[in-house]
Amino acid sequence: MSPPFSLQPALEIDTLQLLPLQPADFAALYAVAADPAIWAQHPNRDRWQQPVFATFFAGALQSGGAFKVVDKATGTVLGSTRIYDYQSEDNSIFIGYTFFGTKQWGKGINLAVKALLLDYLFQFVEAVRFHIGAGNVRSQIAIQRLGACKVAEQEVAYFGELPKLNFVYEITRPFWLEKRQPTASANP
């Protein structure tokens, strides 16, 4: 079911922009994704290879909820993330498929991007969930720092890939609204 809100608004803070992913973004995003270190703990460790990444990118475009993450000062593409799988029954949605170049690690970019998306999404939904590969300890720690709690384990078949075990983490609207003040600026 389609959500009653945009899956691809332009979002920004002082330093970053989340812009809807377009077909013309392939080269810039693959330049980031071509580093095998990025994918070492992800469910598909071969995404650094261009044909595998091309399938990942096609799925991102088809999802209608994928973003490129851009440094506002330089215009450099830093990585990508996605909003997907809206569930009207419990008014929830997922954030996932997130990756950043290794040069961006440890700089708070993942936290800033997730906070920006959460600020936007909690205007509309009651819960945001995250699929994180069972072996992706780095991402599990990062999402726990945001306050997410593990709520399930699930086999997930990513676009064009075989199913892999993922942990499902969740942040609820009441928790998030109590935890932080909104920062998102949306231009739907």
N, C-alpha and C. Protein backbone atom coordinates (compact mmCIF):
# COMPACT_ATOMS: atom_id res chain seq x y z
N MET A 1 0.83 -1.18 0.00
CA MET A 1 0.00 0.00 0.00
C MET A 1 0.88 1.24 0.00
N SER A 2 0.47 2.24 -0.74
CA SER A 2 1.19 3.50 -0.78
C SER A 2 0.88 4.31 0.47
N PRO A 3 1.90 4.92 1.05
CA PRO A 3 1.65 5.74 2.24
C PRO A 3 0.96 7.05 1.89
N PRO A 4 0.31 7.67 2.86
CA PRO A 4 -0.36 8.95 2.62
C PRO A 4 0.60 10.14 2.78
N PHE A 5 1.87 9.92 2.41
CA PHE A 5 2.89 10.96 2.47
C PHE A 5 3.97 10.60 1.46
N SER A 6 4.82 11.54 1.14
CA SER A 6 5.87 11.32 0.15
C SER A 6 6.98 10.42 0.70
N LEU A 7 7.40 9.45 -0.11
CA LEU A 7 8.54 8.62 0.24
C LEU A 7 9.86 9.26 -0.16
N GLN A 8 9.80 10.32 -0.96
CA GLN A 8 11.03 10.95 -1.43
C GLN A 8 10.99 12.47 -1.35
N PRO A 9 10.74 13.03 -0.19
CA PRO A 9 10.83 14.49 -0.10
C PRO A 9 12.30 14.90 -0.10
N ALA A 10 12.59 16.10 -0.53
CA ALA A 10 13.94 16.64 -0.36
C ALA A 10 14.05 17.07 1.09
N LEU A 11 15.05 16.54 1.79
CA LEU A 11 15.26 16.85 3.20
C LEU A 11 16.66 17.43 3.37
N GLU A 12 16.80 18.34 4.33
CA GLU A 12 18.14 18.89 4.55
C GLU A 12 18.32 19.42 5.96
N ILE A 13 19.58 19.46 6.35
CA ILE A 13 20.04 20.14 7.56
C ILE A 13 21.18 21.05 7.12
N ASP A 14 21.88 21.66 8.05
CA ASP A 14 22.95 22.60 7.70
C ASP A 14 23.97 22.02 6.73
N THR A 15 24.36 20.78 6.95
CA THR A 15 25.50 20.20 6.23
C THR A 15 25.13 19.17 5.18
N LEU A 16 23.93 18.61 5.24
CA LEU A 16 23.56 17.49 4.37
C LEU A 16 22.24 17.71 3.67
N GLN A 17 22.11 17.08 2.50
CA GLN A 17 20.84 17.01 1.78
C GLN A 17 20.53 15.55 1.49
N LEU A 18 19.28 15.19 1.60
CA LEU A 18 18.79 13.91 1.11
C LEU A 18 17.92 14.24 -0.08
N LEU A 19 18.36 13.80 -1.26
CA LEU A 19 17.66 14.11 -2.50
C LEU A 19 17.18 12.83 -3.14
N PRO A 20 16.00 12.85 -3.78
CA PRO A 20 15.50 11.64 -4.44
C PRO A 20 16.53 11.08 -5.42
N LEU A 21 16.78 9.78 -5.33
CA LEU A 21 17.73 9.12 -6.21
C LEU A 21 17.17 9.08 -7.63
N GLN A 22 18.02 9.42 -8.60
CA GLN A 22 17.65 9.46 -10.02
C GLN A 22 18.56 8.52 -10.81
N PRO A 23 18.12 8.04 -11.99
CA PRO A 23 18.97 7.18 -12.80
C PRO A 23 20.35 7.80 -13.09
N ALA A 24 20.40 9.11 -13.27
CA ALA A 24 21.67 9.79 -13.58
C ALA A 24 22.66 9.77 -12.41
N ASP A 25 22.22 9.33 -11.23
CA ASP A 25 23.09 9.30 -10.05
C ASP A 25 23.95 8.04 -9.97
N PHE A 26 23.79 7.11 -10.91
CA PHE A 26 24.49 5.83 -10.81
C PHE A 26 25.99 5.99 -10.67
N ALA A 27 26.63 6.73 -11.56
CA ALA A 27 28.10 6.83 -11.56
C ALA A 27 28.61 7.42 -10.25
N ALA A 28 28.00 8.49 -9.78
CA ALA A 28 28.45 9.13 -8.54
C ALA A 28 28.26 8.21 -7.34
N LEU A 29 27.15 7.50 -7.30
CA LEU A 29 26.89 6.61 -6.17
C LEU A 29 27.77 5.37 -6.24
N TYR A 30 27.99 4.85 -7.45
CA TYR A 30 28.87 3.68 -7.56
C TYR A 30 30.31 4.04 -7.20
N ALA A 31 30.73 5.26 -7.48
CA ALA A 31 32.08 5.69 -7.08
C ALA A 31 32.26 5.55 -5.57
N VAL A 32 31.21 5.77 -4.81
CA VAL A 32 31.24 5.58 -3.35
C VAL A 32 31.17 4.09 -3.03
N ALA A 33 30.26 3.38 -3.68
CA ALA A 33 29.95 1.98 -3.34
C ALA A 33 31.01 0.98 -3.78
N ALA A 34 31.96 1.38 -4.61
CA ALA A 34 32.94 0.46 -5.16
C ALA A 34 34.00 0.00 -4.15
N ASP A 35 33.93 0.45 -2.93
CA ASP A 35 34.88 0.07 -1.88
C ASP A 35 34.38 -1.18 -1.15
N PRO A 36 35.09 -2.31 -1.27
CA PRO A 36 34.63 -3.55 -0.61
C PRO A 36 34.46 -3.41 0.91
N ALA A 37 35.21 -2.52 1.54
CA ALA A 37 35.12 -2.36 3.00
C ALA A 37 33.72 -1.94 3.44
N ILE A 38 33.02 -1.19 2.60
CA ILE A 38 31.66 -0.75 2.94
C ILE A 38 30.75 -1.94 3.18
N TRP A 39 30.91 -2.96 2.38
CA TRP A 39 29.97 -4.08 2.35
C TRP A 39 30.41 -5.27 3.20
N ALA A 40 31.51 -5.17 3.90
CA ALA A 40 32.08 -6.31 4.63
C ALA A 40 31.11 -6.95 5.62
N GLN A 41 30.23 -6.17 6.24
CA GLN A 41 29.28 -6.74 7.20
C GLN A 41 27.84 -6.76 6.68
N HIS A 42 27.62 -6.27 5.48
CA HIS A 42 26.26 -6.24 4.92
C HIS A 42 25.83 -7.64 4.49
N PRO A 43 24.52 -7.86 4.37
CA PRO A 43 24.03 -9.18 3.93
C PRO A 43 24.60 -9.63 2.59
N ASN A 44 24.81 -8.71 1.64
CA ASN A 44 25.44 -9.06 0.37
C ASN A 44 26.78 -8.34 0.29
N ARG A 45 27.84 -9.10 0.51
CA ARG A 45 29.19 -8.53 0.57
C ARG A 45 29.78 -8.22 -0.80
N ASP A 46 29.06 -8.57 -1.87
CA ASP A 46 29.57 -8.35 -3.23
C ASP A 46 29.03 -7.08 -3.87
N ARG A 47 28.34 -6.25 -3.15
CA ARG A 47 27.72 -5.05 -3.75
C ARG A 47 28.75 -4.05 -4.27
N TRP A 48 30.00 -4.20 -3.92
CA TRP A 48 31.03 -3.32 -4.45
C TRP A 48 31.31 -3.62 -5.93
N GLN A 49 30.92 -4.81 -6.39
CA GLN A 49 31.11 -5.18 -7.80
C GLN A 49 30.02 -4.50 -8.63
N GLN A 50 30.42 -3.91 -9.75
CA GLN A 50 29.48 -3.09 -10.52
C GLN A 50 28.20 -3.82 -10.94
N PRO A 51 28.26 -5.06 -11.45
CA PRO A 51 27.00 -5.72 -11.84
C PRO A 51 26.07 -5.96 -10.64
N VAL A 52 26.63 -6.29 -9.49
CA VAL A 52 25.82 -6.52 -8.29
C VAL A 52 25.24 -5.19 -7.81
N PHE A 53 26.08 -4.15 -7.83
CA PHE A 53 25.59 -2.84 -7.42
C PHE A 53 24.51 -2.33 -8.38
N ALA A 54 24.64 -2.65 -9.67
CA ALA A 54 23.63 -2.22 -10.64
C ALA A 54 22.25 -2.79 -10.27
N THR A 55 22.21 -4.04 -9.80
CA THR A 55 20.95 -4.63 -9.34
C THR A 55 20.43 -3.90 -8.11
N PHE A 56 21.33 -3.63 -7.16
CA PHE A 56 20.97 -2.87 -5.96
C PHE A 56 20.41 -1.50 -6.34
N PHE A 57 21.06 -0.82 -7.27
CA PHE A 57 20.63 0.51 -7.71
C PHE A 57 19.27 0.45 -8.41
N ALA A 58 19.07 -0.58 -9.25
CA ALA A 58 17.77 -0.74 -9.92
C ALA A 58 16.65 -0.92 -8.89
N GLY A 59 16.92 -1.71 -7.85
CA GLY A 59 15.94 -1.88 -6.78
C GLY A 59 15.67 -0.59 -6.04
N ALA A 60 16.72 0.21 -5.86
CA ALA A 60 16.56 1.51 -5.19
C ALA A 60 15.63 2.42 -6.00
N LEU A 61 15.87 2.48 -7.31
CA LEU A 61 15.01 3.32 -8.16
C LEU A 61 13.58 2.81 -8.16
N GLN A 62 13.43 1.49 -8.28
CA GLN A 62 12.09 0.90 -8.33
C GLN A 62 11.32 1.12 -7.02
N SER A 63 12.02 1.22 -5.92
CA SER A 63 11.37 1.38 -4.62
C SER A 63 10.59 2.68 -4.49
N GLY A 64 11.03 3.71 -5.20
CA GLY A 64 10.39 5.01 -5.10
C GLY A 64 10.64 5.73 -3.79
N GLY A 65 11.58 5.20 -2.98
CA GLY A 65 11.87 5.82 -1.69
C GLY A 65 13.35 5.99 -1.40
N ALA A 66 14.18 5.90 -2.45
CA ALA A 66 15.63 5.96 -2.25
C ALA A 66 16.16 7.39 -2.38
N PHE A 67 17.20 7.66 -1.61
CA PHE A 67 17.84 8.97 -1.60
C PHE A 67 19.33 8.85 -1.86
N LYS A 68 19.90 9.90 -2.43
CA LYS A 68 21.34 10.07 -2.36
C LYS A 68 21.58 11.08 -1.24
N VAL A 69 22.65 10.88 -0.51
CA VAL A 69 23.02 11.78 0.58
C VAL A 69 24.17 12.64 0.07
N VAL A 70 23.97 13.95 0.15
CA VAL A 70 24.91 14.90 -0.47
C VAL A 70 25.45 15.87 0.58
N ASP A 71 26.75 16.12 0.52
CA ASP A 71 27.38 17.16 1.33
C ASP A 71 27.00 18.51 0.72
N LYS A 72 26.31 19.35 1.49
CA LYS A 72 25.82 20.63 0.95
C LYS A 72 26.95 21.56 0.55
N ALA A 73 28.05 21.55 1.26
CA ALA A 73 29.14 22.47 0.97
C ALA A 73 29.87 22.14 -0.32
N THR A 74 30.03 20.84 -0.61
CA THR A 74 30.83 20.43 -1.77
C THR A 74 30.02 19.83 -2.91
N GLY A 75 28.79 19.39 -2.62
CA GLY A 75 27.99 18.70 -3.63
C GLY A 75 28.39 17.24 -3.80
N THR A 76 29.29 16.76 -2.97
CA THR A 76 29.78 15.38 -3.06
C THR A 76 28.72 14.40 -2.57
N VAL A 77 28.52 13.32 -3.33
CA VAL A 77 27.63 12.24 -2.91
C VAL A 77 28.36 11.42 -1.86
N LEU A 78 27.75 11.28 -0.69
CA LEU A 78 28.36 10.58 0.44
C LEU A 78 27.86 9.15 0.59
N GLY A 79 26.67 8.86 0.05
CA GLY A 79 26.08 7.54 0.21
C GLY A 79 24.61 7.57 -0.14
N SER A 80 23.87 6.60 0.40
CA SER A 80 22.46 6.46 0.06
C SER A 80 21.70 5.83 1.22
N THR A 81 20.40 6.05 1.23
CA THR A 81 19.50 5.41 2.17
C THR A 81 18.13 5.31 1.52
N ARG A 82 17.20 4.63 2.20
CA ARG A 82 15.91 4.37 1.59
C ARG A 82 14.80 4.28 2.63
N ILE A 83 13.61 4.75 2.25
CA ILE A 83 12.38 4.55 3.02
C ILE A 83 11.55 3.54 2.23
N TYR A 84 11.00 2.53 2.92
CA TYR A 84 10.28 1.48 2.18
C TYR A 84 9.33 0.70 3.09
N ASP A 85 8.47 -0.06 2.47
CA ASP A 85 7.59 -1.03 3.12
C ASP A 85 6.65 -0.41 4.16
N TYR A 86 5.86 0.57 3.71
CA TYR A 86 4.86 1.18 4.58
C TYR A 86 3.78 0.15 4.91
N GLN A 87 3.42 0.06 6.18
CA GLN A 87 2.38 -0.86 6.65
C GLN A 87 1.24 -0.04 7.25
N SER A 88 0.10 0.03 6.55
CA SER A 88 -1.02 0.83 7.04
C SER A 88 -1.65 0.22 8.30
N GLU A 89 -1.57 -1.12 8.44
CA GLU A 89 -2.20 -1.79 9.58
C GLU A 89 -1.71 -1.24 10.91
N ASP A 90 -0.41 -1.01 11.02
CA ASP A 90 0.13 -0.48 12.28
C ASP A 90 0.82 0.88 12.07
N ASN A 91 0.60 1.47 10.89
CA ASN A 91 1.15 2.78 10.56
C ASN A 91 2.65 2.84 10.83
N SER A 92 3.38 1.93 10.16
CA SER A 92 4.83 1.84 10.31
C SER A 92 5.50 1.84 8.95
N ILE A 93 6.81 2.06 8.97
CA ILE A 93 7.60 2.07 7.75
C ILE A 93 9.04 1.69 8.10
N PHE A 94 9.81 1.30 7.09
CA PHE A 94 11.21 0.94 7.29
C PHE A 94 12.14 2.00 6.72
N ILE A 95 13.29 2.14 7.36
CA ILE A 95 14.45 2.84 6.81
C ILE A 95 15.53 1.79 6.67
N GLY A 96 16.23 1.78 5.53
CA GLY A 96 17.29 0.80 5.37
C GLY A 96 18.07 1.01 4.08
N TYR A 97 18.83 -0.02 3.72
CA TYR A 97 19.69 0.00 2.54
C TYR A 97 20.69 1.15 2.62
N THR A 98 21.06 1.55 3.83
CA THR A 98 21.91 2.71 4.03
C THR A 98 23.38 2.33 3.92
N PHE A 99 24.13 3.14 3.20
CA PHE A 99 25.59 2.98 3.19
C PHE A 99 26.23 4.34 2.93
N PHE A 100 27.45 4.47 3.45
CA PHE A 100 28.26 5.67 3.25
C PHE A 100 29.68 5.25 2.94
N GLY A 101 30.40 6.10 2.22
CA GLY A 101 31.81 5.85 1.96
C GLY A 101 32.59 5.77 3.27
N THR A 102 33.64 4.97 3.29
CA THR A 102 34.41 4.78 4.52
C THR A 102 35.02 6.10 5.02
N LYS A 103 35.27 7.04 4.14
CA LYS A 103 35.81 8.34 4.57
C LYS A 103 34.80 9.11 5.44
N GLN A 104 33.54 8.71 5.37
CA GLN A 104 32.49 9.39 6.13
C GLN A 104 32.22 8.72 7.48
N TRP A 105 32.77 7.53 7.68
CA TRP A 105 32.52 6.80 8.92
C TRP A 105 33.08 7.56 10.12
N GLY A 106 32.36 7.49 11.21
CA GLY A 106 32.82 8.10 12.45
C GLY A 106 32.63 9.60 12.52
N LYS A 107 31.94 10.19 11.56
CA LYS A 107 31.74 11.64 11.52
C LYS A 107 30.32 12.05 11.91
N GLY A 108 29.49 11.09 12.30
CA GLY A 108 28.13 11.41 12.71
C GLY A 108 27.15 11.55 11.56
N ILE A 109 27.56 11.20 10.35
CA ILE A 109 26.68 11.36 9.19
C ILE A 109 25.51 10.38 9.24
N ASN A 110 25.77 9.13 9.58
CA ASN A 110 24.68 8.16 9.68
C ASN A 110 23.65 8.61 10.71
N LEU A 111 24.11 9.05 11.86
CA LEU A 111 23.21 9.54 12.91
C LEU A 111 22.40 10.73 12.41
N ALA A 112 23.05 11.67 11.73
CA ALA A 112 22.35 12.86 11.22
C ALA A 112 21.30 12.49 10.18
N VAL A 113 21.65 11.58 9.28
CA VAL A 113 20.71 11.15 8.24
C VAL A 113 19.52 10.43 8.85
N LYS A 114 19.78 9.51 9.77
CA LYS A 114 18.67 8.78 10.40
C LYS A 114 17.78 9.74 11.19
N ALA A 115 18.38 10.70 11.91
CA ALA A 115 17.59 11.67 12.68
C ALA A 115 16.73 12.51 11.75
N LEU A 116 17.28 12.92 10.63
CA LEU A 116 16.53 13.71 9.65
C LEU A 116 15.33 12.93 9.13
N LEU A 117 15.55 11.66 8.78
CA LEU A 117 14.46 10.82 8.31
C LEU A 117 13.42 10.56 9.40
N LEU A 118 13.89 10.30 10.61
CA LEU A 118 12.95 10.06 11.71
C LEU A 118 12.11 11.30 12.00
N ASP A 119 12.74 12.46 12.01
CA ASP A 119 11.98 13.70 12.24
C ASP A 119 10.89 13.87 11.19
N TYR A 120 11.21 13.55 9.93
CA TYR A 120 10.22 13.64 8.86
C TYR A 120 9.13 12.59 9.04
N LEU A 121 9.53 11.33 9.19
CA LEU A 121 8.56 10.23 9.21
C LEU A 121 7.62 10.27 10.41
N PHE A 122 8.11 10.72 11.54
CA PHE A 122 7.24 10.74 12.72
C PHE A 122 6.19 11.84 12.68
N GLN A 123 6.16 12.60 11.61
CA GLN A 123 5.02 13.48 11.37
C GLN A 123 3.81 12.66 10.88
N PHE A 124 4.07 11.40 10.44
CA PHE A 124 3.05 10.60 9.77
C PHE A 124 2.84 9.21 10.35
N VAL A 125 3.89 8.58 10.88
CA VAL A 125 3.80 7.18 11.30
C VAL A 125 4.00 7.04 12.80
N GLU A 126 3.62 5.86 13.30
CA GLU A 126 3.75 5.56 14.73
C GLU A 126 5.03 4.80 15.06
N ALA A 127 5.58 4.09 14.06
CA ALA A 127 6.80 3.32 14.31
C ALA A 127 7.66 3.29 13.05
N VAL A 128 8.96 3.35 13.24
CA VAL A 128 9.92 3.19 12.16
C VAL A 128 10.78 1.99 12.51
N ARG A 129 10.95 1.11 11.52
CA ARG A 129 11.72 -0.11 11.71
C ARG A 129 12.93 -0.10 10.78
N PHE A 130 13.88 -0.95 11.13
CA PHE A 130 15.14 -1.03 10.39
C PHE A 130 15.50 -2.49 10.21
N HIS A 131 15.74 -2.94 8.96
CA HIS A 131 16.30 -4.26 8.72
C HIS A 131 17.82 -4.10 8.78
N ILE A 132 18.46 -4.90 9.63
CA ILE A 132 19.91 -4.87 9.73
C ILE A 132 20.41 -6.30 9.68
N GLY A 133 21.35 -6.55 8.77
CA GLY A 133 21.90 -7.89 8.62
C GLY A 133 22.37 -8.46 9.95
N ALA A 134 22.11 -9.76 10.15
CA ALA A 134 22.46 -10.41 11.41
C ALA A 134 23.95 -10.30 11.71
N GLY A 135 24.78 -10.23 10.69
CA GLY A 135 26.22 -10.12 10.89
C GLY A 135 26.75 -8.71 10.85
N ASN A 136 25.87 -7.73 10.71
CA ASN A 136 26.30 -6.34 10.58
C ASN A 136 26.32 -5.67 11.96
N VAL A 137 27.33 -6.02 12.73
CA VAL A 137 27.44 -5.53 14.11
C VAL A 137 27.60 -4.01 14.13
N ARG A 138 28.36 -3.46 13.20
CA ARG A 138 28.57 -2.00 13.15
C ARG A 138 27.24 -1.26 13.06
N SER A 139 26.35 -1.70 12.17
CA SER A 139 25.05 -1.04 12.01
C SER A 139 24.13 -1.32 13.20
N GLN A 140 24.24 -2.50 13.79
CA GLN A 140 23.43 -2.80 14.98
C GLN A 140 23.78 -1.85 16.12
N ILE A 141 25.06 -1.63 16.33
CA ILE A 141 25.50 -0.71 17.39
C ILE A 141 25.03 0.71 17.08
N ALA A 142 25.17 1.12 15.82
CA ALA A 142 24.78 2.48 15.43
C ALA A 142 23.29 2.71 15.67
N ILE A 143 22.45 1.75 15.31
CA ILE A 143 21.01 1.95 15.46
C ILE A 143 20.59 1.90 16.93
N GLN A 144 21.29 1.12 17.72
CA GLN A 144 21.02 1.11 19.16
C GLN A 144 21.37 2.45 19.79
N ARG A 145 22.38 3.13 19.28
CA ARG A 145 22.74 4.46 19.79
C ARG A 145 21.63 5.48 19.56
N LEU A 146 20.82 5.24 18.54
CA LEU A 146 19.66 6.10 18.29
C LEU A 146 18.49 5.78 19.23
N GLY A 147 18.59 4.65 19.91
CA GLY A 147 17.52 4.25 20.81
C GLY A 147 16.64 3.14 20.28
N ALA A 148 16.99 2.58 19.12
CA ALA A 148 16.19 1.50 18.55
C ALA A 148 16.37 0.22 19.36
N CYS A 149 15.29 -0.55 19.45
CA CYS A 149 15.30 -1.83 20.15
C CYS A 149 15.05 -2.95 19.16
N LYS A 150 15.76 -4.05 19.34
CA LYS A 150 15.54 -5.23 18.50
C LYS A 150 14.19 -5.84 18.86
N VAL A 151 13.34 -6.03 17.84
CA VAL A 151 11.99 -6.56 18.08
C VAL A 151 11.72 -7.88 17.36
N ALA A 152 12.59 -8.26 16.41
CA ALA A 152 12.33 -9.49 15.66
C ALA A 152 13.57 -9.90 14.88
N GLU A 153 13.51 -11.13 14.38
CA GLU A 153 14.47 -11.63 13.40
C GLU A 153 13.66 -12.06 12.20
N GLN A 154 14.18 -11.77 11.00
CA GLN A 154 13.38 -12.00 9.79
C GLN A 154 14.29 -12.32 8.62
N GLU A 155 13.89 -13.28 7.81
CA GLU A 155 14.57 -13.55 6.54
C GLU A 155 14.10 -12.49 5.55
N VAL A 156 15.03 -11.79 4.93
CA VAL A 156 14.69 -10.73 3.99
C VAL A 156 15.34 -11.04 2.65
N ALA A 157 14.54 -11.01 1.58
CA ALA A 157 15.05 -11.17 0.23
C ALA A 157 15.16 -9.78 -0.38
N TYR A 158 16.37 -9.24 -0.39
CA TYR A 158 16.58 -7.93 -1.00
C TYR A 158 16.42 -8.06 -2.51
N PHE A 159 16.10 -6.97 -3.18
CA PHE A 159 15.83 -6.93 -4.61
C PHE A 159 16.91 -7.70 -5.38
N GLY A 160 16.50 -8.75 -6.09
CA GLY A 160 17.42 -9.52 -6.91
C GLY A 160 18.41 -10.38 -6.14
N GLU A 161 18.18 -10.60 -4.84
CA GLU A 161 19.11 -11.36 -4.02
C GLU A 161 18.37 -12.46 -3.26
N LEU A 162 19.11 -13.44 -2.78
CA LEU A 162 18.54 -14.51 -1.97
C LEU A 162 18.23 -14.00 -0.56
N PRO A 163 17.27 -14.64 0.13
CA PRO A 163 16.95 -14.22 1.50
C PRO A 163 18.14 -14.35 2.44
N LYS A 164 18.25 -13.40 3.36
CA LYS A 164 19.30 -13.40 4.38
C LYS A 164 18.67 -13.04 5.72
N LEU A 165 19.25 -13.58 6.80
CA LEU A 165 18.75 -13.28 8.13
C LEU A 165 19.05 -11.83 8.50
N ASN A 166 18.02 -11.13 8.93
CA ASN A 166 18.14 -9.74 9.39
C ASN A 166 17.52 -9.63 10.76
N PHE A 167 18.00 -8.67 11.52
CA PHE A 167 17.37 -8.29 12.77
C PHE A 167 16.50 -7.08 12.47
N VAL A 168 15.33 -7.02 13.09
CA VAL A 168 14.43 -5.88 12.94
C VAL A 168 14.52 -5.05 14.21
N TYR A 169 14.87 -3.80 14.05
CA TYR A 169 14.92 -2.84 15.15
C TYR A 169 13.78 -1.85 14.97
N GLU A 170 13.35 -1.23 16.07
CA GLU A 170 12.22 -0.31 16.01
C GLU A 170 12.43 0.89 16.93
N ILE A 171 11.95 2.03 16.45
CA ILE A 171 11.83 3.25 17.25
C ILE A 171 10.38 3.69 17.11
N THR A 172 9.74 4.00 18.23
CA THR A 172 8.35 4.46 18.20
C THR A 172 8.29 5.98 18.25
N ARG A 173 7.19 6.50 17.76
CA ARG A 173 6.99 7.95 17.76
C ARG A 173 7.09 8.55 19.17
N PRO A 174 6.37 8.01 20.18
CA PRO A 174 6.48 8.61 21.52
C PRO A 174 7.92 8.67 22.04
N PHE A 175 8.68 7.58 21.80
CA PHE A 175 10.07 7.57 22.25
C PHE A 175 10.86 8.67 21.55
N TRP A 176 10.72 8.77 20.23
CA TRP A 176 11.50 9.74 19.46
C TRP A 176 11.13 11.18 19.83
N LEU A 177 9.86 11.45 19.96
CA LEU A 177 9.44 12.81 20.29
C LEU A 177 9.92 13.23 21.67
N GLU A 178 10.01 12.28 22.56
CA GLU A 178 10.54 12.59 23.90
C GLU A 178 12.06 12.76 23.86
N LYS A 179 12.71 11.98 22.98
CA LYS A 179 14.17 11.95 22.92
C LYS A 179 14.77 13.20 22.30
N ARG A 180 14.13 13.75 21.26
CA ARG A 180 14.80 14.84 20.55
C ARG A 180 13.83 15.86 19.99
N GLN A 181 14.39 17.00 19.63
CA GLN A 181 13.64 18.07 18.99
C GLN A 181 13.78 17.92 17.47
N PRO A 182 12.73 18.16 16.70
CA PRO A 182 12.79 18.01 15.24
C PRO A 182 13.85 18.91 14.60
N THR A 183 14.47 18.38 13.53
CA THR A 183 15.48 19.13 12.78
C THR A 183 15.19 19.18 11.29
N ALA A 184 14.23 18.39 10.81
CA ALA A 184 14.02 18.22 9.38
C ALA A 184 13.40 19.44 8.73
N SER A 185 13.86 19.70 7.53
CA SER A 185 13.26 20.71 6.67
C SER A 185 12.90 19.99 5.38
N ALA A 186 11.62 19.81 5.12
CA ALA A 186 11.17 19.03 3.97
C ALA A 186 10.62 19.93 2.89
N ASN A 187 10.94 19.57 1.65
CA ASN A 187 10.40 20.24 0.47
C ASN A 187 9.81 19.16 -0.42
N PRO A 188 8.57 18.68 -0.13
CA PRO A 188 7.99 17.55 -0.87
C PRO A 188 7.86 17.80 -2.36
